N, C-alpha and C. Protein backbone atom coordinates (compact mmCIF):
# COMPACT_ATOMS: atom_id res chain seq x y z
N ALA A 1 -32.12 -25.25 -29.70
CA ALA A 1 -32.99 -25.03 -30.85
C ALA A 1 -32.52 -23.82 -31.63
N ASP A 2 -32.67 -23.89 -32.93
CA ASP A 2 -32.34 -22.75 -33.79
C ASP A 2 -33.44 -21.71 -33.68
N ILE A 3 -33.06 -20.47 -33.45
CA ILE A 3 -34.04 -19.39 -33.40
C ILE A 3 -34.14 -18.79 -34.79
N LEU A 4 -35.37 -18.75 -35.29
CA LEU A 4 -35.66 -18.23 -36.62
C LEU A 4 -36.35 -16.89 -36.49
N THR A 5 -36.34 -16.09 -37.56
CA THR A 5 -37.03 -14.81 -37.54
C THR A 5 -37.91 -14.68 -38.78
N ILE A 6 -39.01 -13.97 -38.62
CA ILE A 6 -39.85 -13.60 -39.75
C ILE A 6 -40.23 -12.14 -39.61
N VAL A 7 -40.52 -11.53 -40.72
CA VAL A 7 -41.03 -10.16 -40.76
C VAL A 7 -42.54 -10.21 -40.61
N ILE A 8 -43.08 -9.33 -39.80
CA ILE A 8 -44.53 -9.19 -39.65
C ILE A 8 -44.95 -7.95 -40.42
N ASP A 9 -45.88 -8.15 -41.36
CA ASP A 9 -46.36 -7.07 -42.21
C ASP A 9 -47.80 -7.41 -42.61
N ARG A 10 -48.75 -7.05 -41.76
CA ARG A 10 -50.16 -7.41 -41.98
C ARG A 10 -51.04 -6.18 -41.78
N ALA A 11 -52.18 -6.14 -42.48
CA ALA A 11 -53.03 -4.95 -42.37
C ALA A 11 -54.51 -5.24 -42.57
N THR A 12 -54.94 -6.50 -42.50
CA THR A 12 -56.36 -6.80 -42.65
C THR A 12 -56.92 -7.39 -41.36
N ALA A 13 -58.20 -7.14 -41.13
CA ALA A 13 -58.88 -7.69 -39.94
C ALA A 13 -59.12 -9.16 -40.17
N ALA A 14 -58.20 -10.00 -39.64
CA ALA A 14 -58.27 -11.45 -39.85
C ALA A 14 -57.27 -12.12 -38.93
N SER A 15 -57.32 -13.45 -38.91
CA SER A 15 -56.31 -14.25 -38.23
C SER A 15 -55.21 -14.56 -39.24
N HIS A 16 -54.00 -14.10 -38.96
CA HIS A 16 -52.87 -14.23 -39.89
C HIS A 16 -51.90 -15.30 -39.40
N ALA A 17 -51.60 -16.28 -40.23
CA ALA A 17 -50.62 -17.31 -39.89
C ALA A 17 -49.23 -16.68 -39.95
N LEU A 18 -48.55 -16.62 -38.82
CA LEU A 18 -47.18 -16.13 -38.78
C LEU A 18 -46.20 -17.29 -38.88
N VAL A 19 -46.52 -18.41 -38.23
CA VAL A 19 -45.70 -19.62 -38.32
C VAL A 19 -46.63 -20.78 -38.64
N THR A 20 -46.38 -21.45 -39.74
CA THR A 20 -47.21 -22.56 -40.18
C THR A 20 -46.96 -23.79 -39.31
N ALA A 21 -48.01 -24.53 -39.03
CA ALA A 21 -47.92 -25.74 -38.21
C ALA A 21 -47.03 -26.78 -38.87
N VAL A 22 -46.28 -27.50 -38.04
CA VAL A 22 -45.50 -28.66 -38.47
C VAL A 22 -45.88 -29.81 -37.55
N SER A 23 -46.24 -30.93 -38.13
CA SER A 23 -46.67 -32.09 -37.35
C SER A 23 -45.64 -32.46 -36.28
N GLY A 24 -46.11 -32.61 -35.04
CA GLY A 24 -45.25 -33.03 -33.94
C GLY A 24 -44.38 -31.93 -33.34
N LYS A 25 -44.46 -30.70 -33.86
CA LYS A 25 -43.63 -29.60 -33.38
C LYS A 25 -44.47 -28.54 -32.67
N ARG A 26 -43.87 -27.87 -31.72
CA ARG A 26 -44.48 -26.72 -31.03
C ARG A 26 -43.77 -25.46 -31.51
N VAL A 27 -44.51 -24.38 -31.59
CA VAL A 27 -43.90 -23.08 -31.86
C VAL A 27 -43.60 -22.44 -30.51
N ARG A 28 -42.36 -22.04 -30.33
CA ARG A 28 -41.95 -21.33 -29.11
C ARG A 28 -41.55 -19.91 -29.52
N VAL A 29 -42.23 -18.92 -28.94
CA VAL A 29 -41.98 -17.52 -29.25
C VAL A 29 -40.97 -16.98 -28.24
N TYR A 30 -39.80 -16.56 -28.75
CA TYR A 30 -38.72 -16.07 -27.88
C TYR A 30 -38.59 -14.56 -27.87
N GLY A 31 -39.12 -13.91 -28.88
CA GLY A 31 -39.03 -12.46 -28.93
C GLY A 31 -40.01 -11.92 -29.95
N LEU A 32 -40.38 -10.65 -29.78
CA LEU A 32 -41.37 -10.05 -30.66
C LEU A 32 -41.20 -8.54 -30.62
N TYR A 33 -41.31 -7.92 -31.78
CA TYR A 33 -41.44 -6.47 -31.84
C TYR A 33 -42.54 -6.18 -32.85
N ILE A 34 -43.58 -5.47 -32.43
CA ILE A 34 -44.61 -5.02 -33.37
C ILE A 34 -44.93 -3.55 -33.10
N ARG A 35 -45.33 -2.88 -34.18
CA ARG A 35 -45.74 -1.48 -34.09
C ARG A 35 -47.03 -1.33 -34.88
N SER A 36 -47.97 -0.63 -34.29
CA SER A 36 -49.28 -0.43 -34.89
C SER A 36 -49.37 0.95 -35.53
N ALA A 37 -49.91 1.00 -36.75
CA ALA A 37 -50.09 2.29 -37.43
C ALA A 37 -51.32 3.04 -36.91
N GLY A 38 -52.24 2.31 -36.29
CA GLY A 38 -53.46 2.93 -35.79
C GLY A 38 -54.01 2.17 -34.61
N THR A 39 -55.19 2.53 -34.17
CA THR A 39 -55.83 1.88 -33.03
C THR A 39 -56.37 0.52 -33.46
N VAL A 40 -55.98 -0.53 -32.74
CA VAL A 40 -56.39 -1.89 -33.09
C VAL A 40 -56.16 -2.82 -31.90
N THR A 41 -56.87 -3.93 -31.90
CA THR A 41 -56.66 -4.99 -30.91
C THR A 41 -55.93 -6.15 -31.59
N VAL A 42 -54.91 -6.68 -30.92
CA VAL A 42 -54.13 -7.81 -31.42
C VAL A 42 -54.21 -8.94 -30.40
N THR A 43 -54.51 -10.14 -30.87
CA THR A 43 -54.52 -11.32 -30.01
C THR A 43 -53.64 -12.38 -30.67
N PHE A 44 -52.75 -12.98 -29.90
CA PHE A 44 -51.95 -14.08 -30.43
C PHE A 44 -52.65 -15.38 -30.10
N GLU A 45 -52.69 -16.27 -31.08
CA GLU A 45 -53.43 -17.52 -30.95
C GLU A 45 -52.73 -18.62 -31.73
N ASP A 46 -53.15 -19.87 -31.47
CA ASP A 46 -52.64 -20.94 -32.31
C ASP A 46 -53.54 -21.06 -33.53
N ASP A 47 -53.20 -21.94 -34.45
CA ASP A 47 -53.92 -21.98 -35.72
C ASP A 47 -55.31 -22.60 -35.65
N ASP A 48 -55.71 -23.12 -34.49
CA ASP A 48 -57.10 -23.59 -34.36
C ASP A 48 -57.96 -22.58 -33.59
N GLY A 49 -57.40 -21.37 -33.35
CA GLY A 49 -58.16 -20.29 -32.73
C GLY A 49 -58.09 -20.23 -31.22
N THR A 50 -57.26 -21.07 -30.58
CA THR A 50 -57.10 -21.01 -29.13
C THR A 50 -56.21 -19.82 -28.77
N ASN A 51 -56.73 -18.92 -27.95
CA ASN A 51 -55.97 -17.72 -27.57
C ASN A 51 -54.76 -18.09 -26.71
N LEU A 52 -53.62 -17.49 -27.06
CA LEU A 52 -52.39 -17.64 -26.27
C LEU A 52 -52.15 -16.38 -25.44
N THR A 53 -52.83 -15.29 -25.82
CA THR A 53 -52.85 -14.05 -25.02
C THR A 53 -54.29 -13.55 -25.02
N GLY A 54 -54.57 -12.66 -24.13
CA GLY A 54 -55.82 -11.92 -24.24
C GLY A 54 -55.64 -10.84 -25.29
N PRO A 55 -56.70 -10.10 -25.58
CA PRO A 55 -56.59 -9.02 -26.56
C PRO A 55 -55.68 -7.91 -26.03
N LEU A 56 -54.76 -7.49 -26.88
CA LEU A 56 -53.83 -6.41 -26.54
C LEU A 56 -54.26 -5.17 -27.31
N ASP A 57 -54.57 -4.10 -26.61
CA ASP A 57 -55.05 -2.87 -27.24
C ASP A 57 -53.89 -1.95 -27.59
N PHE A 58 -53.87 -1.51 -28.86
CA PHE A 58 -52.82 -0.61 -29.34
C PHE A 58 -53.44 0.71 -29.78
N ALA A 59 -52.77 1.79 -29.46
CA ALA A 59 -53.10 3.11 -30.00
C ALA A 59 -52.21 3.33 -31.22
N ALA A 60 -52.49 4.37 -31.96
CA ALA A 60 -51.68 4.68 -33.14
C ALA A 60 -50.21 4.88 -32.75
N ARG A 61 -49.33 4.29 -33.53
CA ARG A 61 -47.87 4.38 -33.37
C ARG A 61 -47.37 3.78 -32.05
N GLU A 62 -48.15 2.91 -31.44
CA GLU A 62 -47.73 2.23 -30.21
C GLU A 62 -47.02 0.93 -30.59
N SER A 63 -46.06 0.52 -29.77
CA SER A 63 -45.32 -0.70 -30.06
C SER A 63 -45.28 -1.62 -28.84
N LEU A 64 -44.92 -2.87 -29.10
CA LEU A 64 -44.76 -3.89 -28.07
C LEU A 64 -43.45 -4.60 -28.34
N THR A 65 -42.63 -4.76 -27.30
CA THR A 65 -41.35 -5.44 -27.44
C THR A 65 -41.24 -6.54 -26.39
N TRP A 66 -41.01 -7.77 -26.86
CA TRP A 66 -40.66 -8.89 -25.98
C TRP A 66 -39.21 -9.23 -26.32
N THR A 67 -38.30 -8.81 -25.47
CA THR A 67 -36.87 -9.05 -25.68
C THR A 67 -36.55 -10.49 -25.32
N PRO A 68 -35.78 -11.21 -26.17
CA PRO A 68 -35.40 -12.58 -25.81
C PRO A 68 -34.71 -12.62 -24.45
N ILE A 69 -35.10 -13.62 -23.64
CA ILE A 69 -34.59 -13.77 -22.27
C ILE A 69 -33.83 -15.09 -22.16
N THR A 70 -32.62 -15.03 -21.65
CA THR A 70 -31.82 -16.24 -21.45
C THR A 70 -32.24 -16.94 -20.16
N ASN A 71 -32.07 -18.26 -20.14
CA ASN A 71 -32.37 -19.01 -18.92
C ASN A 71 -31.15 -19.10 -18.01
N GLY A 72 -30.04 -18.45 -18.40
CA GLY A 72 -28.83 -18.45 -17.59
C GLY A 72 -27.96 -19.68 -17.80
N GLN A 73 -28.40 -20.60 -18.65
CA GLN A 73 -27.65 -21.85 -18.89
C GLN A 73 -27.43 -22.06 -20.39
N GLY A 74 -27.40 -20.98 -21.15
CA GLY A 74 -27.15 -21.08 -22.59
C GLY A 74 -28.39 -21.30 -23.43
N GLY A 75 -29.56 -21.29 -22.81
CA GLY A 75 -30.81 -21.47 -23.54
C GLY A 75 -31.68 -20.23 -23.43
N TRP A 76 -32.86 -20.33 -24.01
CA TRP A 76 -33.79 -19.21 -24.03
C TRP A 76 -35.12 -19.59 -23.41
N LEU A 77 -35.79 -18.62 -22.80
CA LEU A 77 -37.11 -18.83 -22.20
C LEU A 77 -38.18 -18.30 -23.14
N PRO A 78 -39.16 -19.13 -23.51
CA PRO A 78 -40.20 -18.64 -24.43
C PRO A 78 -41.26 -17.81 -23.71
N TYR A 79 -41.81 -16.85 -24.43
CA TYR A 79 -42.94 -16.08 -23.94
C TYR A 79 -44.24 -16.85 -24.14
N LEU A 80 -44.38 -17.51 -25.29
CA LEU A 80 -45.57 -18.28 -25.63
C LEU A 80 -45.15 -19.60 -26.26
N VAL A 81 -45.99 -20.64 -26.05
CA VAL A 81 -45.73 -21.96 -26.64
C VAL A 81 -47.07 -22.51 -27.13
N THR A 82 -47.10 -22.98 -28.37
CA THR A 82 -48.32 -23.61 -28.90
C THR A 82 -48.36 -25.07 -28.48
N GLN A 83 -49.52 -25.68 -28.67
CA GLN A 83 -49.63 -27.13 -28.51
C GLN A 83 -48.88 -27.81 -29.65
N GLN A 84 -48.49 -29.04 -29.43
CA GLN A 84 -47.78 -29.79 -30.45
C GLN A 84 -48.62 -29.88 -31.73
N GLY A 85 -48.01 -29.58 -32.86
CA GLY A 85 -48.70 -29.66 -34.14
C GLY A 85 -49.49 -28.43 -34.52
N ASP A 86 -49.45 -27.37 -33.70
CA ASP A 86 -50.19 -26.14 -33.99
C ASP A 86 -49.25 -25.05 -34.51
N GLY A 87 -49.78 -24.19 -35.38
CA GLY A 87 -49.06 -23.02 -35.84
C GLY A 87 -49.31 -21.84 -34.92
N PHE A 88 -48.74 -20.69 -35.26
CA PHE A 88 -48.83 -19.48 -34.45
C PHE A 88 -49.42 -18.37 -35.30
N ASN A 89 -50.53 -17.79 -34.83
CA ASN A 89 -51.26 -16.77 -35.58
C ASN A 89 -51.37 -15.47 -34.80
N MET A 90 -51.61 -14.39 -35.56
CA MET A 90 -51.88 -13.08 -34.99
C MET A 90 -53.25 -12.64 -35.51
N LEU A 91 -54.18 -12.42 -34.59
CA LEU A 91 -55.53 -11.98 -34.94
C LEU A 91 -55.62 -10.47 -34.80
N LEU A 92 -55.92 -9.79 -35.93
CA LEU A 92 -56.10 -8.34 -35.91
C LEU A 92 -57.58 -8.02 -35.84
N GLY A 93 -57.95 -7.16 -34.91
CA GLY A 93 -59.35 -6.79 -34.73
C GLY A 93 -59.82 -5.71 -35.67
N GLY A 94 -58.95 -5.20 -36.53
CA GLY A 94 -59.33 -4.17 -37.49
C GLY A 94 -58.32 -4.10 -38.62
N ALA A 95 -58.65 -3.36 -39.66
CA ALA A 95 -57.78 -3.23 -40.84
C ALA A 95 -56.75 -2.13 -40.58
N VAL A 96 -55.76 -2.46 -39.76
CA VAL A 96 -54.71 -1.53 -39.36
C VAL A 96 -53.36 -2.20 -39.60
N GLN A 97 -52.40 -1.44 -40.14
CA GLN A 97 -51.06 -1.98 -40.41
C GLN A 97 -50.33 -2.31 -39.11
N ILE A 98 -49.86 -3.57 -39.02
CA ILE A 98 -48.99 -4.02 -37.93
C ILE A 98 -47.70 -4.49 -38.58
N SER A 99 -46.58 -3.94 -38.13
CA SER A 99 -45.28 -4.29 -38.69
C SER A 99 -44.35 -4.70 -37.57
N GLY A 100 -43.37 -5.56 -37.88
CA GLY A 100 -42.40 -5.94 -36.87
C GLY A 100 -41.63 -7.20 -37.21
N THR A 101 -41.15 -7.87 -36.17
CA THR A 101 -40.33 -9.06 -36.29
C THR A 101 -40.70 -10.04 -35.19
N LEU A 102 -40.66 -11.34 -35.55
CA LEU A 102 -40.92 -12.42 -34.60
C LEU A 102 -39.69 -13.32 -34.54
N TRP A 103 -39.26 -13.67 -33.33
CA TRP A 103 -38.18 -14.63 -33.11
C TRP A 103 -38.80 -15.88 -32.51
N TYR A 104 -38.57 -17.04 -33.12
CA TYR A 104 -39.27 -18.26 -32.70
C TYR A 104 -38.44 -19.50 -33.04
N SER A 105 -38.89 -20.64 -32.54
CA SER A 105 -38.35 -21.93 -32.95
C SER A 105 -39.51 -22.90 -33.12
N GLN A 106 -39.26 -23.97 -33.85
CA GLN A 106 -40.21 -25.08 -33.95
C GLN A 106 -39.45 -26.33 -33.55
N GLU A 107 -39.90 -26.94 -32.45
CA GLU A 107 -39.22 -28.13 -31.94
C GLU A 107 -40.23 -29.02 -31.23
N ASP A 108 -39.80 -30.21 -30.85
CA ASP A 108 -40.67 -31.17 -30.17
C ASP A 108 -41.14 -30.63 -28.83
């Protein structure tokens, strides 16, 4: 699968679509780097609101890194996978700037 990247740049208390749903495809998250400008809770979810992580608490200037991991056979192991046909969202519990990068694929 081709690994794609997007920039994360969000600052409102809401569920933010990071990867839009594609019919018949799953979003597989292979890597992530985010940094919080202030104290906030971040939850990763699919686009129908199903949590893929529990709430992650961040202090000001705290970061989270999920380094891409190889499966040892030329492929990659995902950290998170949505259901088929679902997008990938980031829910911010407050109006705090979150910046970073997401590495993902969309495949069957």
